[in-house]
C-alpha atoms as a PDB file:
ATOM      1  CA  MET A   1      19.125 -21.475 -19.600  1.00  0.00           C
ATOM      2  CA  GLU A   2      20.520 -17.993 -21.062  1.00  0.00           C
ATOM      3  CA  ASN A   3      17.438 -17.749 -22.889  1.00  0.00           C
ATOM      4  CA  LEU A   4      15.163 -18.310 -19.941  1.00  0.00           C
ATOM      5  CA  PHE A   5      17.399 -15.445 -18.308  1.00  0.00           C
ATOM      6  CA  GLU A   6      16.733 -13.077 -21.505  1.00  0.00           C
ATOM      7  CA  ASN A   7      13.236 -13.303 -21.422  1.00  0.00           C
ATOM      8  CA  LEU A   8      12.960 -12.845 -17.831  1.00  0.00           C
ATOM      9  CA  HIS A   9      14.868  -9.785 -18.501  1.00  0.00           C
ATOM     10  CA  THR A  10      13.359  -8.363 -21.431  1.00  0.00           C
ATOM     11  CA  ASN A  11      10.266  -9.920 -22.526  1.00  0.00           C
ATOM     12  CA  GLN A  12       8.117 -11.015 -19.313  1.00  0.00           C
ATOM     13  CA  LYS A  13       5.911  -8.376 -17.310  1.00  0.00           C
ATOM     14  CA  PRO A  14       7.199  -7.767 -13.379  1.00  0.00           C
ATOM     15  CA  LEU A  15       6.671 -10.990 -11.128  1.00  0.00           C
ATOM     16  CA  ALA A  16       4.285  -9.123  -9.377  1.00  0.00           C
ATOM     17  CA  GLU A  17       2.164  -8.555 -12.136  1.00  0.00           C
ATOM     18  CA  ARG A  18       2.469 -12.118 -13.542  1.00  0.00           C
ATOM     19  CA  LEU A  19       1.157 -13.139 -10.040  1.00  0.00           C
ATOM     20  CA  ARG A  20      -1.532 -11.049  -9.588  1.00  0.00           C
ATOM     21  CA  PRO A  21      -4.610 -13.153  -8.655  1.00  0.00           C
ATOM     22  CA  ASN A  22      -7.897 -13.340 -10.523  1.00  0.00           C
ATOM     23  CA  THR A  23     -10.062 -14.882  -8.558  1.00  0.00           C
ATOM     24  CA  LEU A  24     -11.292 -14.390  -4.786  1.00  0.00           C
ATOM     25  CA  ASP A  25      -9.685 -17.649  -3.722  1.00  0.00           C
ATOM     26  CA  ASP A  26      -6.403 -16.957  -4.718  1.00  0.00           C
ATOM     27  CA  VAL A  27      -6.006 -13.728  -2.874  1.00  0.00           C
ATOM     28  CA  VAL A  28      -3.911 -14.223  -0.057  1.00  0.00           C
ATOM     29  CA  GLY A  29      -4.826 -11.859   3.420  1.00  0.00           C
ATOM     30  CA  GLN A  30      -7.224  -9.492   4.193  1.00  0.00           C
ATOM     31  CA  LYS A  31      -9.605 -12.321   5.907  1.00  0.00           C
ATOM     32  CA  HIS A  32     -11.305  -9.449   7.789  1.00  0.00           C
ATOM     33  CA  ILE A  33     -12.802  -8.583   4.603  1.00  0.00           C
ATOM     34  CA  LEU A  34     -12.511 -11.089   2.370  1.00  0.00           C
ATOM     35  CA  GLY A  35     -12.675 -14.235   4.482  1.00  0.00           C
ATOM     36  CA  LYS A  36     -15.456 -17.245   4.099  1.00  0.00           C
ATOM     37  CA  GLY A  37     -19.030 -15.372   4.522  1.00  0.00           C
ATOM     38  CA  LYS A  38     -17.346 -11.696   5.417  1.00  0.00           C
ATOM     39  CA  MET A  39     -19.643  -9.188   4.010  1.00  0.00           C
ATOM     40  CA  LEU A  40     -17.302  -7.830   1.198  1.00  0.00           C
ATOM     41  CA  ARG A  41     -16.493 -11.395  -0.168  1.00  0.00           C
ATOM     42  CA  ARG A  42     -20.467 -11.971  -0.361  1.00  0.00           C
ATOM     43  CA  LEU A  43     -21.070  -8.980  -2.066  1.00  0.00           C
ATOM     44  CA  VAL A  44     -18.554  -9.919  -4.854  1.00  0.00           C
ATOM     45  CA  GLU A  45     -19.525 -13.260  -5.130  1.00  0.00           C
ATOM     46  CA  ALA A  46     -23.291 -11.961  -5.566  1.00  0.00           C
ATOM     47  CA  HIS A  47     -22.022  -9.256  -8.407  1.00  0.00           C
ATOM     48  CA  ARG A  48     -23.655  -6.743  -6.284  1.00  0.00           C
ATOM     49  CA  VAL A  49     -20.666  -4.519  -5.285  1.00  0.00           C
ATOM     50  CA  PRO A  50     -21.547  -1.168  -4.637  1.00  0.00           C
ATOM     51  CA  SER A  51     -19.487   1.935  -4.611  1.00  0.00           C
ATOM     52  CA  VAL A  52     -16.551   1.201  -2.205  1.00  0.00           C
ATOM     53  CA  ILE A  53     -13.409   3.037  -1.165  1.00  0.00           C
ATOM     54  CA  PHE A  54     -10.222   0.765  -0.564  1.00  0.00           C
ATOM     55  CA  TYR A  55      -7.971   2.105   1.493  1.00  0.00           C
ATOM     56  CA  GLY A  56      -4.427   0.850   2.898  1.00  0.00           C
ATOM     57  CA  PRO A  57      -0.345   0.683   2.650  1.00  0.00           C
ATOM     58  CA  PRO A  58       0.672  -0.175  -0.670  1.00  0.00           C
ATOM     59  CA  GLY A  59       1.067  -3.952  -2.254  1.00  0.00           C
ATOM     60  CA  THR A  60      -1.714  -5.069  -0.173  1.00  0.00           C
ATOM     61  CA  GLY A  61      -4.612  -6.027  -2.842  1.00  0.00           C
ATOM     62  CA  LYS A  62      -6.573  -3.339  -3.613  1.00  0.00           C
ATOM     63  CA  THR A  63      -6.239  -2.769  -7.127  1.00  0.00           C
ATOM     64  CA  THR A  64      -6.121  -6.684  -7.413  1.00  0.00           C
ATOM     65  CA  LEU A  65      -9.445  -6.640  -5.679  1.00  0.00           C
ATOM     66  CA  ALA A  66     -10.915  -3.766  -7.829  1.00  0.00           C
ATOM     67  CA  ARG A  67     -10.117  -5.866 -11.106  1.00  0.00           C
ATOM     68  CA  ILE A  68     -11.352  -8.946  -9.937  1.00  0.00           C
ATOM     69  CA  ILE A  69     -14.726  -7.107  -9.168  1.00  0.00           C
ATOM     70  CA  ALA A  70     -14.559  -5.710 -12.740  1.00  0.00           C
ATOM     71  CA  ASP A  71     -14.046  -8.938 -14.201  1.00  0.00           C
ATOM     72  CA  THR A  72     -16.438 -10.782 -12.749  1.00  0.00           C
ATOM     73  CA  SER A  73     -19.300  -8.197 -12.870  1.00  0.00           C
ATOM     74  CA  ASN A  74     -21.344  -7.931 -15.917  1.00  0.00           C
ATOM     75  CA  SER A  75     -20.722  -4.027 -15.940  1.00  0.00           C
ATOM     76  CA  ASN A  76     -18.458  -2.080 -17.799  1.00  0.00           C
ATOM     77  CA  PHE A  77     -15.318  -1.189 -16.868  1.00  0.00           C
ATOM     78  CA  VAL A  78     -13.196   1.815 -16.825  1.00  0.00           C
ATOM     79  CA  LYS A  79      -9.899   2.526 -14.973  1.00  0.00           C
ATOM     80  CA  LEU A  80      -8.325   6.011 -14.429  1.00  0.00           C
ATOM     81  CA  ASN A  81      -5.668   7.580 -12.202  1.00  0.00           C
ATOM     82  CA  ALA A  82      -6.274  10.529 -10.405  1.00  0.00           C
ATOM     83  CA  ILE A  83      -2.823  12.171 -11.123  1.00  0.00           C
ATOM     84  CA  SER A  84      -3.426  12.223 -14.634  1.00  0.00           C
ATOM     85  CA  THR A  85      -7.308  12.984 -15.016  1.00  0.00           C
ATOM     86  CA  GLY A  86      -9.106  16.083 -15.424  1.00  0.00           C
ATOM     87  CA  VAL A  87     -12.625  16.968 -14.928  1.00  0.00           C
ATOM     88  CA  ALA A  88     -13.152  16.677 -18.825  1.00  0.00           C
ATOM     89  CA  GLU A  89     -12.261  13.222 -19.047  1.00  0.00           C
ATOM     90  CA  VAL A  90     -14.402  12.086 -15.883  1.00  0.00           C
ATOM     91  CA  LYS A  91     -17.104  14.387 -17.366  1.00  0.00           C
ATOM     92  CA  ALA A  92     -16.959  12.219 -20.756  1.00  0.00           C
ATOM     93  CA  VAL A  93     -16.697   8.953 -18.345  1.00  0.00           C
ATOM     94  CA  MET A  94     -19.938   9.925 -16.942  1.00  0.00           C
ATOM     95  CA  GLU A  95     -21.822  10.675 -20.094  1.00  0.00           C
ATOM     96  CA  GLN A  96     -20.599   7.103 -21.712  1.00  0.00           C
ATOM     97  CA  ALA A  97     -22.010   5.767 -18.781  1.00  0.00           C
ATOM     98  CA  LYS A  98     -25.463   7.387 -18.720  1.00  0.00           C
ATOM     99  CA  LYS A  99     -25.832   6.485 -22.143  1.00  0.00           C
ATOM    100  CA  ASP A 100     -24.860   2.572 -21.728  1.00  0.00           C
ATOM    101  CA  PHE A 101     -27.385   2.410 -18.648  1.00  0.00           C
ATOM    102  CA  GLU A 102     -30.468   3.894 -20.522  1.00  0.00           C
ATOM    103  CA  LEU A 103     -29.681   1.850 -23.625  1.00  0.00           C
ATOM    104  CA  PHE A 104     -28.550  -1.498 -22.555  1.00  0.00           C
ATOM    105  CA  GLY A 105     -28.900  -1.635 -18.893  1.00  0.00           C
ATOM    106  CA  LYS A 106     -25.532  -2.267 -17.981  1.00  0.00           C
ATOM    107  CA  ARG A 107     -23.607  -0.294 -15.031  1.00  0.00           C
ATOM    108  CA  THR A 108     -20.119   1.071 -15.204  1.00  0.00           C
ATOM    109  CA  TYR A 109     -17.445   0.681 -13.111  1.00  0.00           C
ATOM    110  CA  LEU A 110     -15.242   3.330 -12.362  1.00  0.00           C
ATOM    111  CA  LEU A 111     -11.831   1.778 -10.859  1.00  0.00           C
ATOM    112  CA  LEU A 112      -9.810   5.232  -9.604  1.00  0.00           C
ATOM    113  CA  ASP A 113      -6.309   5.177  -8.226  1.00  0.00           C
ATOM    114  CA  GLU A 114      -4.734   7.401  -5.971  1.00  0.00           C
ATOM    115  CA  CYS A 115      -8.561   8.751  -5.409  1.00  0.00           C
ATOM    116  CA  HIS A 116      -7.446  10.954  -2.632  1.00  0.00           C
ATOM    117  CA  ARG A 117      -5.819  13.071  -5.217  1.00  0.00           C
ATOM    118  CA  TRP A 118      -9.140  14.080  -6.648  1.00  0.00           C
ATOM    119  CA  THR A 119      -9.971  17.638  -6.537  1.00  0.00           C
ATOM    120  CA  LYS A 120     -13.397  18.802  -5.362  1.00  0.00           C
ATOM    121  CA  ALA A 121     -14.471  19.735  -8.569  1.00  0.00           C
ATOM    122  CA  GLN A 122     -13.253  16.424  -9.820  1.00  0.00           C
ATOM    123  CA  SER A 123     -15.212  14.523  -6.778  1.00  0.00           C
ATOM    124  CA  ASP A 124     -18.717  16.844  -7.554  1.00  0.00           C
ATOM    125  CA  SER A 125     -18.436  15.628 -11.071  1.00  0.00           C
ATOM    126  CA  LEU A 126     -18.950  12.500 -10.125  1.00  0.00           C
ATOM    127  CA  LEU A 127     -22.212  12.513  -7.771  1.00  0.00           C
ATOM    128  CA  ALA A 128     -24.958  13.000 -10.016  1.00  0.00           C
ATOM    129  CA  SER A 129     -23.768   9.830 -11.845  1.00  0.00           C
ATOM    130  CA  LEU A 130     -23.443   7.953  -8.470  1.00  0.00           C
ATOM    131  CA  GLU A 131     -26.717   9.071  -7.128  1.00  0.00           C
ATOM    132  CA  ASN A 132     -28.607   7.875 -10.544  1.00  0.00           C
ATOM    133  CA  GLY A 133     -26.913   4.744 -10.626  1.00  0.00           C
ATOM    134  CA  TYR A 134     -24.950   4.904 -13.522  1.00  0.00           C
ATOM    135  CA  ILE A 135     -21.427   4.396 -11.823  1.00  0.00           C
ATOM    136  CA  ASN A 136     -20.513   2.380  -9.506  1.00  0.00           C
ATOM    137  CA  PHE A 137     -16.702   3.839  -8.077  1.00  0.00           C
ATOM    138  CA  VAL A 138     -13.956   1.910  -6.840  1.00  0.00           C
ATOM    139  CA  GLY A 139     -11.285   3.945  -5.177  1.00  0.00           C
ATOM    140  CA  CYS A 140      -8.074   3.050  -4.395  1.00  0.00           C
ATOM    141  CA  THR A 141      -5.919   4.810  -1.813  1.00  0.00           C
ATOM    142  CA  THR A 142      -3.458   4.910   0.639  1.00  0.00           C
ATOM    143  CA  GLU A 143      -4.762   7.544   2.806  1.00  0.00           C
ATOM    144  CA  ASN A 144      -7.727   7.466   5.154  1.00  0.00           C
ATOM    145  CA  PRO A 145     -10.376   8.851   2.976  1.00  0.00           C
ATOM    146  CA  SER A 146     -11.973  10.209   6.024  1.00  0.00           C
ATOM    147  CA  TYR A 147      -9.558  13.346   5.864  1.00  0.00           C
ATOM    148  CA  SER A 148      -7.807  12.941   2.424  1.00  0.00           C
ATOM    149  CA  MET A 149     -11.405  12.662   0.570  1.00  0.00           C
ATOM    150  CA  THR A 150     -14.406  15.127   0.008  1.00  0.00           C
ATOM    151  CA  ARG A 151     -17.156  14.030   2.600  1.00  0.00           C
ATOM    152  CA  ALA A 152     -19.696  13.772  -0.325  1.00  0.00           C
ATOM    153  CA  ILE A 153     -17.958  11.219  -1.917  1.00  0.00           C
ATOM    154  CA  VAL A 154     -16.702   8.870   1.223  1.00  0.00           C
ATOM    155  CA  SER A 155     -20.516   9.422   2.115  1.00  0.00           C
ATOM    156  CA  ARG A 156     -21.795   7.137  -0.665  1.00  0.00           C
ATOM    157  CA  CYS A 157     -19.064   4.766  -0.395  1.00  0.00           C
ATOM    158  CA  SER A 158     -18.760   1.846   1.729  1.00  0.00           C
ATOM    159  CA  VAL A 159     -15.124   2.037   3.100  1.00  0.00           C
ATOM    160  CA  PHE A 160     -12.755  -0.820   3.487  1.00  0.00           C
ATOM    161  CA  GLU A 161      -9.442  -1.142   5.551  1.00  0.00           C
ATOM    162  CA  PHE A 162      -6.648  -3.249   3.682  1.00  0.00           C
ATOM    163  CA  LYS A 163      -4.018  -4.291   6.327  1.00  0.00           C
ATOM    164  CA  PRO A 164      -0.564  -5.264   5.679  1.00  0.00           C
ATOM    165  CA  LEU A 165      -0.055  -9.027   5.309  1.00  0.00           C
ATOM    166  CA  ASP A 166       1.382 -11.230   7.805  1.00  0.00           C
ATOM    167  CA  LEU A 167       4.598 -12.824   7.186  1.00  0.00           C
ATOM    168  CA  ASP A 168       3.067 -16.394   6.711  1.00  0.00           C
ATOM    169  CA  ASP A 169       0.811 -14.526   3.857  1.00  0.00           C
ATOM    170  CA  ILE A 170       3.942 -13.231   2.494  1.00  0.00           C
ATOM    171  CA  LYS A 171       5.838 -16.503   2.450  1.00  0.00           C
ATOM    172  CA  GLU A 172       2.833 -18.349   0.618  1.00  0.00           C
ATOM    173  CA  VAL A 173       2.757 -15.803  -1.957  1.00  0.00           C
ATOM    174  CA  LEU A 174       6.861 -15.931  -2.682  1.00  0.00           C
ATOM    175  CA  GLN A 175       6.588 -19.935  -2.391  1.00  0.00           C
ATOM    176  CA  ARG A 176       3.688 -19.756  -4.707  1.00  0.00           C
ATOM    177  CA  ALA A 177       5.812 -17.487  -7.135  1.00  0.00           C
ATOM    178  CA  ILE A 178       8.380 -20.375  -7.185  1.00  0.00           C
ATOM    179  CA  ASN A 179       6.383 -22.860  -7.797  1.00  0.00           C
ATOM    180  CA  THR A 180       3.913 -21.611 -10.201  1.00  0.00           C
ATOM    181  CA  ASP A 181       5.017 -18.331 -12.222  1.00  0.00           C
ATOM    182  CA  GLU A 182       5.514 -19.365 -15.653  1.00  0.00           C
ATOM    183  CA  VAL A 183       9.225 -18.309 -15.508  1.00  0.00           C
ATOM    184  CA  LEU A 184      10.372 -19.188 -12.362  1.00  0.00           C
ATOM    185  CA  LYS A 185       9.062 -22.724 -12.749  1.00  0.00           C
ATOM    186  CA  ASN A 186      11.600 -23.172 -15.043  1.00  0.00           C
ATOM    187  CA  PHE A 187      14.831 -22.609 -12.525  1.00  0.00           C
ATOM    188  CA  LYS A 188      15.814 -24.777 -10.260  1.00  0.00           C
ATOM    189  CA  ILE A 189      15.501 -22.004  -7.281  1.00  0.00           C
ATOM    190  CA  LYS A 190      16.441 -23.051  -3.696  1.00  0.00           C
ATOM    191  CA  ILE A 191      15.622 -20.418  -1.007  1.00  0.00           C
ATOM    192  CA  ASP A 192      16.699 -20.622   2.669  1.00  0.00           C
ATOM    193  CA  ASP A 193      14.170 -20.237   5.381  1.00  0.00           C
ATOM    194  CA  ASP A 194      16.053 -17.443   6.662  1.00  0.00           C
ATOM    195  CA  ALA A 195      15.860 -15.612   3.006  1.00  0.00           C
ATOM    196  CA  LEU A 196      12.310 -16.217   3.479  1.00  0.00           C
ATOM    197  CA  ALA A 197      12.018 -14.643   6.676  1.00  0.00           C
ATOM    198  CA  TYR A 198      13.720 -11.789   5.440  1.00  0.00           C
ATOM    199  CA  PHE A 199      11.886 -10.790   2.532  1.00  0.00           C
ATOM    200  CA  ALA A 200       8.939 -11.206   4.770  1.00  0.00           C
ATOM    201  CA  THR A 201      10.166  -9.038   7.212  1.00  0.00           C
ATOM    202  CA  ALA A 202      11.784  -6.411   5.483  1.00  0.00           C
ATOM    203  CA  SER A 203       8.819  -6.095   3.273  1.00  0.00           C
ATOM    204  CA  GLY A 204       6.561  -4.567   5.776  1.00  0.00           C
ATOM    205  CA  GLY A 205       3.767  -6.257   4.953  1.00  0.00           C
ATOM    206  CA  ASP A 206       4.100  -5.043   0.954  1.00  0.00           C
ATOM    207  CA  VAL A 207       4.026  -7.951  -1.455  1.00  0.00           C
ATOM    208  CA  ARG A 208       4.465  -6.132  -4.073  1.00  0.00           C
ATOM    209  CA  SER A 209       7.821  -5.467  -2.884  1.00  0.00           C
ATOM    210  CA  ALA A 210       8.894  -9.110  -1.580  1.00  0.00           C
ATOM    211  CA  LEU A 211       7.955 -10.314  -5.002  1.00  0.00           C
ATOM    212  CA  ASN A 212      10.570  -7.833  -6.738  1.00  0.00           C
ATOM    213  CA  GLY A 213      13.100  -8.793  -4.420  1.00  0.00           C
ATOM    214  CA  LEU A 214      12.753 -12.135  -5.275  1.00  0.00           C
ATOM    215  CA  GLU A 215      13.094 -11.580  -8.509  1.00  0.00           C
ATOM    216  CA  ILE A 216      15.955  -9.267  -8.484  1.00  0.00           C
ATOM    217  CA  GLY A 217      17.770 -12.189  -6.564  1.00  0.00           C
ATOM    218  CA  VAL A 218      16.728 -14.889  -9.199  1.00  0.00           C
ATOM    219  CA  ILE A 219      18.160 -12.473 -12.137  1.00  0.00           C
ATOM    220  CA  THR A 220      21.361 -11.519 -10.266  1.00  0.00           C
ATOM    221  CA  THR A 221      21.797 -15.216  -8.730  1.00  0.00           C
ATOM    222  CA  PRO A 222      24.676 -16.770 -10.458  1.00  0.00           C
ATOM    223  CA  VAL A 223      23.738 -20.515 -11.218  1.00  0.00           C
ATOM    224  CA  ASN A 224      25.886 -22.999  -9.159  1.00  0.00           C
ATOM    225  CA  LYS A 225      27.247 -26.405 -10.509  1.00  0.00           C
ATOM    226  CA  ALA A 226      24.370 -28.075 -10.130  1.00  0.00           C
ATOM    227  CA  GLY A 227      22.319 -25.841 -11.907  1.00  0.00           C
ATOM    228  CA  GLU A 228      20.661 -24.361  -8.947  1.00  0.00           C
ATOM    229  CA  ILE A 229      20.001 -20.721  -8.147  1.00  0.00           C
ATOM    230  CA  CYS A 230      20.179 -20.457  -4.450  1.00  0.00           C
ATOM    231  CA  ILE A 231      18.741 -17.493  -2.359  1.00  0.00           C
ATOM    232  CA  THR A 232      20.308 -16.983   1.193  1.00  0.00           C
ATOM    233  CA  LYS A 233      19.636 -14.524   3.193  1.00  0.00           C
ATOM    234  CA  GLU A 234      22.471 -12.636   2.433  1.00  0.00           C
ATOM    235  CA  ILE A 235      21.521 -12.261  -1.058  1.00  0.00           C
ATOM    236  CA  ALA A 236      18.248 -11.756   0.332  1.00  0.00           C
ATOM    237  CA  SER A 237      19.346  -8.315   2.507  1.00  0.00           C
ATOM    238  CA  GLU A 238      20.993  -7.244  -0.806  1.00  0.00           C
ATOM    239  CA  CYS A 239      17.602  -7.340  -3.399  1.00  0.00           C
ATOM    240  CA  LEU A 240      15.621  -5.855  -0.855  1.00  0.00           C
ATOM    241  CA  GLN A 241      16.855  -3.179   1.450  1.00  0.00           C
ATOM    242  CA  ARG A 242      14.633  -2.641   4.686  1.00  0.00           C
ATOM    243  CA  LYS A 243      11.593  -0.794   3.909  1.00  0.00           C
ATOM    244  CA  ALA A 244      11.054   2.789   4.909  1.00  0.00           C
ATOM    245  CA  LEU A 245       8.294   3.462   7.199  1.00  0.00           C
ATOM    246  CA  SER A 246       5.507   5.358   6.055  1.00  0.00           C
ATOM    247  CA  LEU A 247       5.242   9.147   7.294  1.00  0.00           C
ATOM    248  CA  ASN A 248       2.902  11.954   5.610  1.00  0.00           C
ATOM    249  CA  ASP A 249       2.478  15.184   6.709  1.00  0.00           C
ATOM    250  CA  ASP A 250       0.266  14.753   9.721  1.00  0.00           C
ATOM    251  CA  VAL A 251       1.995  11.573  11.194  1.00  0.00           C
ATOM    252  CA  TYR A 252       5.692  13.287  10.922  1.00  0.00           C
ATOM    253  CA  TYR A 253       4.013  16.211  13.292  1.00  0.00           C
ATOM    254  CA  HIS A 254       2.430  14.236  15.707  1.00  0.00           C
ATOM    255  CA  ILE A 255       5.233  11.630  16.151  1.00  0.00           C
ATOM    256  CA  LEU A 256       7.760  15.035  16.342  1.00  0.00           C
ATOM    257  CA  SER A 257       5.283  16.577  19.103  1.00  0.00           C
ATOM    258  CA  ALA A 258       5.112  13.337  20.806  1.00  0.00           C
ATOM    259  CA  TYR A 259       9.438  12.953  20.679  1.00  0.00           C
ATOM    260  CA  CYS A 260       9.205  16.772  22.198  1.00  0.00           C
ATOM    261  CA  LYS A 261       6.691  16.049  25.021  1.00  0.00           C
ATOM    262  CA  SER A 262       8.820  12.877  25.697  1.00  0.00           C
ATOM    263  CA  LEU A 263      11.906  14.911  26.213  1.00  0.00           C
ATOM    264  CA  ARG A 264      10.180  17.462  28.462  1.00  0.00           C
ATOM    265  CA  GLY A 265       8.355  14.416  30.777  1.00  0.00           C
ATOM    266  CA  SER A 266      11.794  12.774  30.889  1.00  0.00           C
ATOM    267  CA  ASP A 267      10.475   9.516  29.094  1.00  0.00           C
ATOM    268  CA  ALA A 268      13.940   8.534  27.891  1.00  0.00           C
ATOM    269  CA  THR A 269      12.408   5.422  26.562  1.00  0.00           C
ATOM    270  CA  ALA A 270       9.700   7.013  24.566  1.00  0.00           C
ATOM    271  CA  ALA A 271      12.094   9.777  23.275  1.00  0.00           C
ATOM    272  CA  LEU A 272      14.092   7.102  21.709  1.00  0.00           C
ATOM    273  CA  TYR A 273      11.594   5.169  20.184  1.00  0.00           C
ATOM    274  CA  TYR A 274       9.823   8.266  18.529  1.00  0.00           C
ATOM    275  CA  ALA A 275      13.660   9.574  17.475  1.00  0.00           C
ATOM    276  CA  ASN A 276      14.173   6.045  15.826  1.00  0.00           C
ATOM    277  CA  ARG A 277      10.736   5.997  14.509  1.00  0.00           C
ATOM    278  CA  LEU A 278      11.194   9.387  12.148  1.00  0.00           C
ATOM    279  CA  ILE A 279      14.703   8.470  11.422  1.00  0.00           C
ATOM    280  CA  GLU A 280      13.741   5.303  10.143  1.00  0.00           C
ATOM    281  CA  ALA A 281      11.112   6.925   7.918  1.00  0.00           C
ATOM    282  CA  GLY A 282      13.798   9.101   6.591  1.00  0.00           C
ATOM    283  CA  VAL A 283      13.708  12.361   8.598  1.00  0.00           C
ATOM    284  CA  GLU A 284      17.447  13.806   8.955  1.00  0.00           C
ATOM    285  CA  PRO A 285      18.735  13.276  12.682  1.00  0.00           C
ATOM    286  CA  GLN A 286      19.622  17.079  12.404  1.00  0.00           C
ATOM    287  CA  ILE A 287      16.101  18.048  13.070  1.00  0.00           C
ATOM    288  CA  LEU A 288      15.931  15.370  16.178  1.00  0.00           C
ATOM    289  CA  ALA A 289      18.981  16.988  17.687  1.00  0.00           C
ATOM    290  CA  ARG A 290      17.948  20.482  17.064  1.00  0.00           C
ATOM    291  CA  ARG A 291      14.756  19.902  18.953  1.00  0.00           C
ATOM    292  CA  LEU A 292      16.659  18.093  21.767  1.00  0.00           C
ATOM    293  CA  ILE A 293      19.000  21.483  22.090  1.00  0.00           C
ATOM    294  CA  ALA A 294      16.104  23.512  22.069  1.00  0.00           C
ATOM    295  CA  HIS A 295      14.517  21.592  24.852  1.00  0.00           C
ATOM    296  CA  ALA A 296      17.729  21.165  26.575  1.00  0.00           C
ATOM    297  CA  SER A 297      18.068  25.349  26.393  1.00  0.00           C
ATOM    298  CA  GLU A 298      14.391  25.662  27.390  1.00  0.00           C
ATOM    299  CA  GLU A 299      15.227  23.126  30.595  1.00  0.00           C
ATOM    300  CA  ALA A 300      18.679  25.274  31.596  1.00  0.00           C
ATOM    301  CA  LEU A 301      16.919  28.937  31.675  1.00  0.00           C
ATOM    302  CA  SER A 302      13.739  27.494  33.345  1.00  0.00           C
ATOM    303  CA  ASN A 303      16.193  26.278  36.077  1.00  0.00           C
ATOM    304  CA  VAL A 304      18.246  29.667  35.920  1.00  0.00           C
ATOM    305  CA  GLN A 305      15.132  31.522  36.351  1.00  0.00           C
ATOM    306  CA  ALA A 306      14.003  28.890  39.298  1.00  0.00           C
ATOM    307  CA  ILE A 307      17.511  29.644  40.626  1.00  0.00           C
ATOM    308  CA  LEU A 308      17.027  33.688  40.541  1.00  0.00           C
ATOM    309  CA  TYR A 309      13.307  33.178  42.149  1.00  0.00           C
ATOM    310  CA  ARG A 310      14.459  31.492  45.371  1.00  0.00           C
ATOM    311  CA  ASN A 311      17.470  34.078  45.866  1.00  0.00           C
ATOM    312  CA  CYS A 312      15.129  37.083  45.497  1.00  0.00           C
ATOM    313  CA  ALA A 313      12.520  35.762  47.625  1.00  0.00           C
END
């Protein structure tokens, strides 16, 4: 047992990576685009996937599907990350893709993670190869490409939205991990239904987060006298803290504006909702308190002006 724990600590990839699906049938969730008869599934099965952009929250299967497309196609496959890639690297990929297409008739799939971070110059360097068919672009991003990417790239791609996994999907993946993972199946793991529900709920639809929490639970929970690792809801809550809600700059200002308008409209329920939405996403409560004080001051000034106007009239 000690040797198994040592391997789990040092010699293995993370559980989420070990459990990454290799075929479409292994993919859990995203039935709106990958269900039987859906267009994207038909394209993958026919090995005719065009340039596409996958966008949605983290841990929903974007990179996994991109890898499946690359593995099942008869094309070359190049993976880049927009954060660490410059124009020179992109041009080198384009030149090699052109040679492979002209000499061997093979297209190249370019998988680009965090594609919304590409600059206009990087995006423009890709356009000619997309037009000529040397490159099939597969972009993965957590941001809506309609406003986070250049229009020239978006107009040449089919865009597919990935949605957070529902509770049953995440529970299925966790059970699959316990029963089939090459490392975890060597342990006697017992997990409460309440713990499964907590992992599924607190991960916020991010299956990678849920798997990371399960792996931490297995690593840190002592083996009982029966040789079992028992994961309870209390252990799950320690291993996987509640997921912070996503909040980019645009959404932040929209919700803050909605909070202020709710105050002006005297809608207490809406104001409390937006305030808690911001706090859950990590916004300092002092910011909301300052807005509340400013609103109260504006209301007080407005009331004083109304009284003076009536007295003077």
